[in-house]
Amino acid sequence: MIHDLDTFIEPRQKMLTDGTLTEFREWEVSERTEIFGSIAHRFSAYRRSGFRHGEWFEGSGHKTTQFVRTPSGWGMSSLAWDDAPATVTE
């Protein structure tokens, strides 16, 4: 699925403000960044956890992010990710 900025933000903002998703945390567990002049690529593995609809979950996945150097600094040009299926613990 491809999102523009608004369609990416809208459902996430709703989950984070309506109580659907609480105590959410996401962190990198490994990364590799390559820079070639004015472009860069970062590939990372991450973990995530929190409560969704009151149930604890844990998950993981991978992200690939591309950046472009501009006169005002580095800017993100694209982001793609693949989430491994979340696990629910009781």
PDB file of N, CA and C in Angstrom:
ATOM      1  N   MET A   1       0.845  -1.169   0.000  1.00  0.00           N
ATOM      2  CA  MET A   1       0.000   0.000   0.000  1.00  0.00           C
ATOM      3  C   MET A   1       0.898   1.243   0.000  1.00  0.00           C
ATOM      4  N   ILE A   2       0.526   2.214  -0.773  1.00  0.00           N
ATOM      5  CA  ILE A   2       1.281   3.462  -0.854  1.00  0.00           C
ATOM      6  C   ILE A   2       0.435   4.572  -0.239  1.00  0.00           C
ATOM      7  N   HIS A   3       1.052   5.378   0.646  1.00  0.00           N
ATOM      8  CA  HIS A   3       0.358   6.461   1.334  1.00  0.00           C
ATOM      9  C   HIS A   3       0.986   7.798   0.975  1.00  0.00           C
ATOM     10  N   ASP A   4       0.159   8.824   0.919  1.00  0.00           N
ATOM     11  CA  ASP A   4       0.721  10.170   0.979  1.00  0.00           C
ATOM     12  C   ASP A   4       0.804  10.506   2.471  1.00  0.00           C
ATOM     13  N   LEU A   5       1.362  11.643   2.796  1.00  0.00           N
ATOM     14  CA  LEU A   5       1.595  11.976   4.197  1.00  0.00           C
ATOM     15  C   LEU A   5       0.308  11.970   5.022  1.00  0.00           C
ATOM     16  N   ASP A   6      -0.757  12.553   4.503  1.00  0.00           N
ATOM     17  CA  ASP A   6      -2.011  12.621   5.258  1.00  0.00           C
ATOM     18  C   ASP A   6      -2.617  11.243   5.503  1.00  0.00           C
ATOM     19  N   THR A   7      -2.632  10.369   4.494  1.00  0.00           N
ATOM     20  CA  THR A   7      -3.223   9.048   4.686  1.00  0.00           C
ATOM     21  C   THR A   7      -2.342   8.159   5.558  1.00  0.00           C
ATOM     22  N   PHE A   8      -1.069   8.472   5.680  1.00  0.00           N
ATOM     23  CA  PHE A   8      -0.197   7.762   6.605  1.00  0.00           C
ATOM     24  C   PHE A   8      -0.480   8.199   8.042  1.00  0.00           C
ATOM     25  N   ILE A   9      -0.592   9.500   8.260  1.00  0.00           N
ATOM     26  CA  ILE A   9      -0.735  10.048   9.611  1.00  0.00           C
ATOM     27  C   ILE A   9      -2.121   9.801  10.200  1.00  0.00           C
ATOM     28  N   GLU A  10      -3.170   9.970   9.423  1.00  0.00           N
ATOM     29  CA  GLU A  10      -4.539   9.966   9.953  1.00  0.00           C
ATOM     30  C   GLU A  10      -4.883   8.738  10.820  1.00  0.00           C
ATOM     31  N   PRO A  11      -4.740   7.494  10.351  1.00  0.00           N
ATOM     32  CA  PRO A  11      -5.140   6.372  11.214  1.00  0.00           C
ATOM     33  C   PRO A  11      -4.231   6.201  12.429  1.00  0.00           C
ATOM     34  N   ARG A  12      -2.963   6.530  12.291  1.00  0.00           N
ATOM     35  CA  ARG A  12      -2.033   6.414  13.418  1.00  0.00           C
ATOM     36  C   ARG A  12      -2.343   7.453  14.493  1.00  0.00           C
ATOM     37  N   GLN A  13      -2.651   8.663  14.064  1.00  0.00           N
ATOM     38  CA  GLN A  13      -3.000   9.713  15.013  1.00  0.00           C
ATOM     39  C   GLN A  13      -4.275   9.336  15.771  1.00  0.00           C
ATOM     40  N   LYS A  14      -5.248   8.776  15.055  1.00  0.00           N
ATOM     41  CA  LYS A  14      -6.499   8.355  15.693  1.00  0.00           C
ATOM     42  C   LYS A  14      -6.225   7.283  16.753  1.00  0.00           C
ATOM     43  N   MET A  15      -5.448   6.237  16.405  1.00  0.00           N
ATOM     44  CA  MET A  15      -5.165   5.156  17.362  1.00  0.00           C
ATOM     45  C   MET A  15      -4.434   5.670  18.602  1.00  0.00           C
ATOM     46  N   LEU A  16      -3.546   6.638  18.399  1.00  0.00           N
ATOM     47  CA  LEU A  16      -2.760   7.153  19.517  1.00  0.00           C
ATOM     48  C   LEU A  16      -3.530   8.128  20.390  1.00  0.00           C
ATOM     49  N   THR A  17      -4.645   8.654  19.901  1.00  0.00           N
ATOM     50  CA  THR A  17      -5.396   9.642  20.681  1.00  0.00           C
ATOM     51  C   THR A  17      -6.737   9.129  21.187  1.00  0.00           C
ATOM     52  N   ASP A  18      -7.250   8.018  20.622  1.00  0.00           N
ATOM     53  CA  ASP A  18      -8.566   7.535  21.063  1.00  0.00           C
ATOM     54  C   ASP A  18      -8.488   6.358  22.035  1.00  0.00           C
ATOM     55  N   GLY A  19      -7.269   5.984  22.448  1.00  0.00           N
ATOM     56  CA  GLY A  19      -7.115   4.900  23.414  1.00  0.00           C
ATOM     57  C   GLY A  19      -6.977   3.516  22.808  1.00  0.00           C
ATOM     58  N   THR A  20      -7.076   3.400  21.482  1.00  0.00           N
ATOM     59  CA  THR A  20      -6.905   2.105  20.826  1.00  0.00           C
ATOM     60  C   THR A  20      -5.515   1.547  21.078  1.00  0.00           C
ATOM     61  N   LEU A  21      -4.507   2.406  20.993  1.00  0.00           N
ATOM     62  CA  LEU A  21      -3.114   2.000  21.141  1.00  0.00           C
ATOM     63  C   LEU A  21      -2.501   2.790  22.289  1.00  0.00           C
ATOM     64  N   THR A  22      -2.053   2.082  23.327  1.00  0.00           N
ATOM     65  CA  THR A  22      -1.451   2.745  24.482  1.00  0.00           C
ATOM     66  C   THR A  22      -0.104   2.102  24.793  1.00  0.00           C
ATOM     67  N   GLU A  23       0.718   2.866  25.470  1.00  0.00           N
ATOM     68  CA  GLU A  23       2.057   2.423  25.866  1.00  0.00           C
ATOM     69  C   GLU A  23       2.858   1.887  24.682  1.00  0.00           C
ATOM     70  N   PHE A  24       2.589   2.454  23.496  1.00  0.00           N
ATOM     71  CA  PHE A  24       3.286   2.001  22.289  1.00  0.00           C
ATOM     72  C   PHE A  24       4.746   2.424  22.325  1.00  0.00           C
ATOM     73  N   ARG A  25       5.602   1.520  21.911  1.00  0.00           N
ATOM     74  CA  ARG A  25       7.034   1.782  21.848  1.00  0.00           C
ATOM     75  C   ARG A  25       7.597   1.058  20.630  1.00  0.00           C
ATOM     76  N   GLU A  26       8.481   1.733  19.892  1.00  0.00           N
ATOM     77  CA  GLU A  26       9.162   1.107  18.767  1.00  0.00           C
ATOM     78  C   GLU A  26      10.619   1.525  18.815  1.00  0.00           C
ATOM     79  N   TRP A  27      11.530   0.580  18.580  1.00  0.00           N
ATOM     80  CA  TRP A  27      12.959   0.882  18.661  1.00  0.00           C
ATOM     81  C   TRP A  27      13.738   0.037  17.662  1.00  0.00           C
ATOM     82  N   GLU A  28      14.831   0.622  17.184  1.00  0.00           N
ATOM     83  CA  GLU A  28      15.731  -0.090  16.279  1.00  0.00           C
ATOM     84  C   GLU A  28      16.552  -1.103  17.059  1.00  0.00           C
ATOM     85  N   VAL A  29      16.747  -2.271  16.468  1.00  0.00           N
ATOM     86  CA  VAL A  29      17.627  -3.264  17.077  1.00  0.00           C
ATOM     87  C   VAL A  29      18.901  -3.462  16.253  1.00  0.00           C
ATOM     88  N   SER A  30      18.872  -3.031  15.007  1.00  0.00           N
ATOM     89  CA  SER A  30      20.073  -3.021  14.176  1.00  0.00           C
ATOM     90  C   SER A  30      19.836  -2.072  13.011  1.00  0.00           C
ATOM     91  N   GLU A  31      20.921  -1.580  12.455  1.00  0.00           N
ATOM     92  CA  GLU A  31      20.793  -0.656  11.327  1.00  0.00           C
ATOM     93  C   GLU A  31      22.067  -0.656  10.512  1.00  0.00           C
ATOM     94  N   ARG A  32      21.906  -0.273   9.266  1.00  0.00           N
ATOM     95  CA  ARG A  32      23.031  -0.061   8.363  1.00  0.00           C
ATOM     96  C   ARG A  32      22.698   1.186   7.540  1.00  0.00           C
ATOM     97  N   THR A  33      23.571   2.162   7.558  1.00  0.00           N
ATOM     98  CA  THR A  33      23.367   3.397   6.806  1.00  0.00           C
ATOM     99  C   THR A  33      24.486   3.543   5.794  1.00  0.00           C
ATOM    100  N   GLU A  34      24.119   3.824   4.563  1.00  0.00           N
ATOM    101  CA  GLU A  34      25.091   4.057   3.498  1.00  0.00           C
ATOM    102  C   GLU A  34      24.834   5.432   2.909  1.00  0.00           C
ATOM    103  N   ILE A  35      25.893   6.208   2.738  1.00  0.00           N
ATOM    104  CA  ILE A  35      25.782   7.557   2.185  1.00  0.00           C
ATOM    105  C   ILE A  35      26.598   7.618   0.902  1.00  0.00           C
ATOM    106  N   PHE A  36      25.991   8.126  -0.141  1.00  0.00           N
ATOM    107  CA  PHE A  36      26.631   8.299  -1.439  1.00  0.00           C
ATOM    108  C   PHE A  36      26.404   9.737  -1.876  1.00  0.00           C
ATOM    109  N   GLY A  37      27.347  10.605  -1.567  1.00  0.00           N
ATOM    110  CA  GLY A  37      27.200  12.025  -1.925  1.00  0.00           C
ATOM    111  C   GLY A  37      26.002  12.639  -1.244  1.00  0.00           C
ATOM    112  N   SER A  38      24.992  12.998  -2.034  1.00  0.00           N
ATOM    113  CA  SER A  38      23.810  13.678  -1.507  1.00  0.00           C
ATOM    114  C   SER A  38      22.609  12.769  -1.317  1.00  0.00           C
ATOM    115  N   ILE A  39      22.832  11.454  -1.382  1.00  0.00           N
ATOM    116  CA  ILE A  39      21.747  10.515  -1.104  1.00  0.00           C
ATOM    117  C   ILE A  39      22.209   9.533  -0.030  1.00  0.00           C
ATOM    118  N   ALA A  40      21.252   9.016   0.717  1.00  0.00           N
ATOM    119  CA  ALA A  40      21.578   8.048   1.759  1.00  0.00           C
ATOM    120  C   ALA A  40      20.456   7.021   1.869  1.00  0.00           C
ATOM    121  N   HIS A  41      20.828   5.863   2.356  1.00  0.00           N
ATOM    122  CA  HIS A  41      19.878   4.771   2.563  1.00  0.00           C
ATOM    123  C   HIS A  41      20.128   4.172   3.945  1.00  0.00           C
ATOM    124  N   ARG A  42      19.068   3.942   4.692  1.00  0.00           N
ATOM    125  CA  ARG A  42      19.185   3.289   6.006  1.00  0.00           C
ATOM    126  C   ARG A  42      18.267   2.076   6.004  1.00  0.00           C
ATOM    127  N   PHE A  43      18.823   0.916   6.302  1.00  0.00           N
ATOM    128  CA  PHE A  43      18.053  -0.311   6.443  1.00  0.00           C
ATOM    129  C   PHE A  43      18.107  -0.699   7.907  1.00  0.00           C
ATOM    130  N   SER A  44      16.956  -0.921   8.525  1.00  0.00           N
ATOM    131  CA  SER A  44      16.955  -1.224   9.950  1.00  0.00           C
ATOM    132  C   SER A  44      15.951  -2.314  10.296  1.00  0.00           C
ATOM    133  N   ALA A  45      16.295  -3.024  11.355  1.00  0.00           N
ATOM    134  CA  ALA A  45      15.369  -3.972  11.979  1.00  0.00           C
ATOM    135  C   ALA A  45      14.855  -3.298  13.243  1.00  0.00           C
ATOM    136  N   TYR A  46      13.602  -3.532  13.571  1.00  0.00           N
ATOM    137  CA  TYR A  46      13.037  -2.885  14.748  1.00  0.00           C
ATOM    138  C   TYR A  46      12.126  -3.846  15.489  1.00  0.00           C
ATOM    139  N   ARG A  47      11.843  -3.491  16.707  1.00  0.00           N
ATOM    140  CA  ARG A  47      10.885  -4.188  17.561  1.00  0.00           C
ATOM    141  C   ARG A  47       9.850  -3.155  18.002  1.00  0.00           C
ATOM    142  N   ARG A  48       8.675  -3.624  18.361  1.00  0.00           N
ATOM    143  CA  ARG A  48       7.625  -2.738  18.844  1.00  0.00           C
ATOM    144  C   ARG A  48       6.791  -3.485  19.873  1.00  0.00           C
ATOM    145  N   SER A  49       6.138  -2.723  20.748  1.00  0.00           N
ATOM    146  CA  SER A  49       5.265  -3.332  21.753  1.00  0.00           C
ATOM    147  C   SER A  49       4.269  -2.284  22.238  1.00  0.00           C
ATOM    148  N   GLY A  50       3.251  -2.756  22.918  1.00  0.00           N
ATOM    149  CA  GLY A  50       2.247  -1.872  23.480  1.00  0.00           C
ATOM    150  C   GLY A  50       0.948  -2.608  23.717  1.00  0.00           C
ATOM    151  N   PHE A  51      -0.073  -1.858  24.049  1.00  0.00           N
ATOM    152  CA  PHE A  51      -1.418  -2.403  24.222  1.00  0.00           C
ATOM    153  C   PHE A  51      -2.282  -1.920  23.063  1.00  0.00           C
ATOM    154  N   ARG A  52      -2.951  -2.855  22.403  1.00  0.00           N
ATOM    155  CA  ARG A  52      -3.906  -2.516  21.350  1.00  0.00           C
ATOM    156  C   ARG A  52      -5.245  -3.099  21.762  1.00  0.00           C
ATOM    157  N   HIS A  53      -6.243  -2.237  21.912  1.00  0.00           N
ATOM    158  CA  HIS A  53      -7.567  -2.654  22.407  1.00  0.00           C
ATOM    159  C   HIS A  53      -7.425  -3.379  23.748  1.00  0.00           C
ATOM    160  N   GLY A  54      -6.501  -2.904  24.588  1.00  0.00           N
ATOM    161  CA  GLY A  54      -6.328  -3.462  25.914  1.00  0.00           C
ATOM    162  C   GLY A  54      -5.516  -4.742  25.995  1.00  0.00           C
ATOM    163  N   GLU A  55      -5.051  -5.271  24.854  1.00  0.00           N
ATOM    164  CA  GLU A  55      -4.257  -6.498  24.849  1.00  0.00           C
ATOM    165  C   GLU A  55      -2.805  -6.183  24.506  1.00  0.00           C
ATOM    166  N   TRP A  56      -1.885  -6.751  25.283  1.00  0.00           N
ATOM    167  CA  TRP A  56      -0.456  -6.555  25.057  1.00  0.00           C
ATOM    168  C   TRP A  56      -0.053  -7.231  23.749  1.00  0.00           C
ATOM    169  N   PHE A  57       0.786  -6.549  22.965  1.00  0.00           N
ATOM    170  CA  PHE A  57       1.317  -7.153  21.747  1.00  0.00           C
ATOM    171  C   PHE A  57       2.800  -6.841  21.637  1.00  0.00           C
ATOM    172  N   GLU A  58       3.487  -7.657  20.892  1.00  0.00           N
ATOM    173  CA  GLU A  58       4.887  -7.438  20.548  1.00  0.00           C
ATOM    174  C   GLU A  58       5.044  -7.776  19.083  1.00  0.00           C
ATOM    175  N   GLY A  59       5.959  -7.087  18.431  1.00  0.00           N
ATOM    176  CA  GLY A  59       6.186  -7.353  17.027  1.00  0.00           C
ATOM    177  C   GLY A  59       7.565  -6.904  16.598  1.00  0.00           C
ATOM    178  N   SER A  60       7.834  -7.119  15.332  1.00  0.00           N
ATOM    179  CA  SER A  60       9.122  -6.729  14.774  1.00  0.00           C
ATOM    180  C   SER A  60       8.941  -6.498  13.282  1.00  0.00           C
ATOM    181  N   GLY A  61       9.987  -6.020  12.657  1.00  0.00           N
ATOM    182  CA  GLY A  61       9.931  -5.805  11.223  1.00  0.00           C
ATOM    183  C   GLY A  61      11.206  -5.160  10.721  1.00  0.00           C
ATOM    184  N   HIS A  62      11.151  -4.725   9.481  1.00  0.00           N
ATOM    185  CA  HIS A  62      12.289  -4.075   8.836  1.00  0.00           C
ATOM    186  C   HIS A  62      11.805  -2.815   8.126  1.00  0.00           C
ATOM    187  N   LYS A  63      12.675  -1.814   8.086  1.00  0.00           N
ATOM    188  CA  LYS A  63      12.382  -0.562   7.392  1.00  0.00           C
ATOM    189  C   LYS A  63      13.524  -0.225   6.458  1.00  0.00           C
ATOM    190  N   THR A  64      13.182   0.401   5.370  1.00  0.00           N
ATOM    191  CA  THR A  64      14.169   0.965   4.465  1.00  0.00           C
ATOM    192  C   THR A  64      13.786   2.424   4.243  1.00  0.00           C
ATOM    193  N   THR A  65      14.713   3.311   4.478  1.00  0.00           N
ATOM    194  CA  THR A  65      14.449   4.746   4.397  1.00  0.00           C
ATOM    195  C   THR A  65      15.488   5.386   3.491  1.00  0.00           C
ATOM    196  N   GLN A  66      15.044   6.240   2.589  1.00  0.00           N
ATOM    197  CA  GLN A  66      15.947   6.970   1.707  1.00  0.00           C
ATOM    198  C   GLN A  66      15.911   8.447   2.067  1.00  0.00           C
ATOM    199  N   PHE A  67      17.079   9.085   1.962  1.00  0.00           N
ATOM    200  CA  PHE A  67      17.242  10.501   2.302  1.00  0.00           C
ATOM    201  C   PHE A  67      17.948  11.225   1.178  1.00  0.00           C
ATOM    202  N   VAL A  68      17.694  12.527   1.093  1.00  0.00           N
ATOM    203  CA  VAL A  68      18.343  13.408   0.132  1.00  0.00           C
ATOM    204  C   VAL A  68      18.876  14.611   0.896  1.00  0.00           C
ATOM    205  N   ARG A  69      20.132  14.972   0.611  1.00  0.00           N
ATOM    206  CA  ARG A  69      20.707  16.156   1.258  1.00  0.00           C
ATOM    207  C   ARG A  69      20.224  17.403   0.514  1.00  0.00           C
ATOM    208  N   THR A  70      19.689  18.359   1.275  1.00  0.00           N
ATOM    209  CA  THR A  70      19.215  19.624   0.719  1.00  0.00           C
ATOM    210  C   THR A  70      20.064  20.753   1.311  1.00  0.00           C
ATOM    211  N   PRO A  71      19.929  21.960   0.832  1.00  0.00           N
ATOM    212  CA  PRO A  71      20.688  23.073   1.417  1.00  0.00           C
ATOM    213  C   PRO A  71      20.419  23.258   2.918  1.00  0.00           C
ATOM    214  N   SER A  72      19.242  22.810   3.407  1.00  0.00           N
ATOM    215  CA  SER A  72      18.935  22.971   4.834  1.00  0.00           C
ATOM    216  C   SER A  72      19.188  21.693   5.641  1.00  0.00           C
ATOM    217  N   GLY A  73      19.746  20.651   5.015  1.00  0.00           N
ATOM    218  CA  GLY A  73      20.059  19.414   5.727  1.00  0.00           C
ATOM    219  C   GLY A  73      19.427  18.205   5.047  1.00  0.00           C
ATOM    220  N   TRP A  74      19.494  17.075   5.738  1.00  0.00           N
ATOM    221  CA  TRP A  74      18.952  15.839   5.188  1.00  0.00           C
ATOM    222  C   TRP A  74      17.436  15.802   5.297  1.00  0.00           C
ATOM    223  N   GLY A  75      16.771  15.343   4.236  1.00  0.00           N
ATOM    224  CA  GLY A  75      15.324  15.176   4.252  1.00  0.00           C
ATOM    225  C   GLY A  75      14.965  13.768   3.805  1.00  0.00           C
ATOM    226  N   MET A  76      13.905  13.216   4.373  1.00  0.00           N
ATOM    227  CA  MET A  76      13.458  11.883   4.000  1.00  0.00           C
ATOM    228  C   MET A  76      12.734  11.943   2.661  1.00  0.00           C
ATOM    229  N   SER A  77      13.115  11.088   1.744  1.00  0.00           N
ATOM    230  CA  SER A  77      12.433  11.060   0.454  1.00  0.00           C
ATOM    231  C   SER A  77      11.489   9.876   0.325  1.00  0.00           C
ATOM    232  N   SER A  78      11.748   8.777   1.051  1.00  0.00           N
ATOM    233  CA  SER A  78      10.817   7.654   1.031  1.00  0.00           C
ATOM    234  C   SER A  78      11.065   6.730   2.216  1.00  0.00           C
ATOM    235  N   LEU A  79      10.030   5.987   2.556  1.00  0.00           N
ATOM    236  CA  LEU A  79      10.093   5.030   3.653  1.00  0.00           C
ATOM    237  C   LEU A  79       9.217   3.844   3.280  1.00  0.00           C
ATOM    238  N   ALA A  80       9.740   2.647   3.466  1.00  0.00           N
ATOM    239  CA  ALA A  80       8.947   1.431   3.266  1.00  0.00           C
ATOM    240  C   ALA A  80       9.249   0.498   4.427  1.00  0.00           C
ATOM    241  N   TRP A  81       8.265  -0.310   4.821  1.00  0.00           N
ATOM    242  CA  TRP A  81       8.489  -1.222   5.929  1.00  0.00           C
ATOM    243  C   TRP A  81       7.721  -2.505   5.702  1.00  0.00           C
ATOM    244  N   ASP A  82       8.168  -3.531   6.401  1.00  0.00           N
ATOM    245  CA  ASP A  82       7.507  -4.826   6.372  1.00  0.00           C
ATOM    246  C   ASP A  82       7.415  -5.303   7.812  1.00  0.00           C
ATOM    247  N   ASP A  83       6.205  -5.344   8.359  1.00  0.00           N
ATOM    248  CA  ASP A  83       5.972  -5.802   9.720  1.00  0.00           C
ATOM    249  C   ASP A  83       5.814  -7.315   9.719  1.00  0.00           C
ATOM    250  N   ALA A  84       6.530  -7.980  10.615  1.00  0.00           N
ATOM    251  CA  ALA A  84       6.259  -9.390  10.867  1.00  0.00           C
ATOM    252  C   ALA A  84       4.940  -9.448  11.623  1.00  0.00           C
ATOM    253  N   PRO A  85       4.193 -10.520  11.511  1.00  0.00           N
ATOM    254  CA  PRO A  85       2.909 -10.592  12.238  1.00  0.00           C
ATOM    255  C   PRO A  85       3.114 -10.371  13.735  1.00  0.00           C
ATOM    256  N   ALA A  86       2.238  -9.573  14.343  1.00  0.00           N
ATOM    257  CA  ALA A  86       2.303  -9.293  15.782  1.00  0.00           C
ATOM    258  C   ALA A  86       1.900 -10.526  16.569  1.00  0.00           C
ATOM    259  N   THR A  87       2.461 -10.654  17.750  1.00  0.00           N
ATOM    260  CA  THR A  87       2.072 -11.739  18.643  1.00  0.00           C
ATOM    261  C   THR A  87       1.368 -11.132  19.848  1.00  0.00           C
ATOM    262  N   VAL A  88       0.307 -11.780  20.277  1.00  0.00           N
ATOM    263  CA  VAL A  88      -0.444 -11.340  21.446  1.00  0.00           C
ATOM    264  C   VAL A  88      -0.114 -12.298  22.577  1.00  0.00           C
ATOM    265  N   THR A  89       0.249 -11.722  23.723  1.00  0.00           N
ATOM    266  CA  THR A  89       0.556 -12.566  24.877  1.00  0.00           C
ATOM    267  C   THR A  89      -0.523 -12.368  25.937  1.00  0.00           C
ATOM    268  N   GLU A  90      -0.824 -13.398  26.642  1.00  0.00           N
ATOM    269  CA  GLU A  90      -1.855 -13.316  27.681  1.00  0.00           C
ATOM    270  C   GLU A  90      -1.230 -13.400  29.048  1.00  0.00           C
TER     271      GLU A  90
END
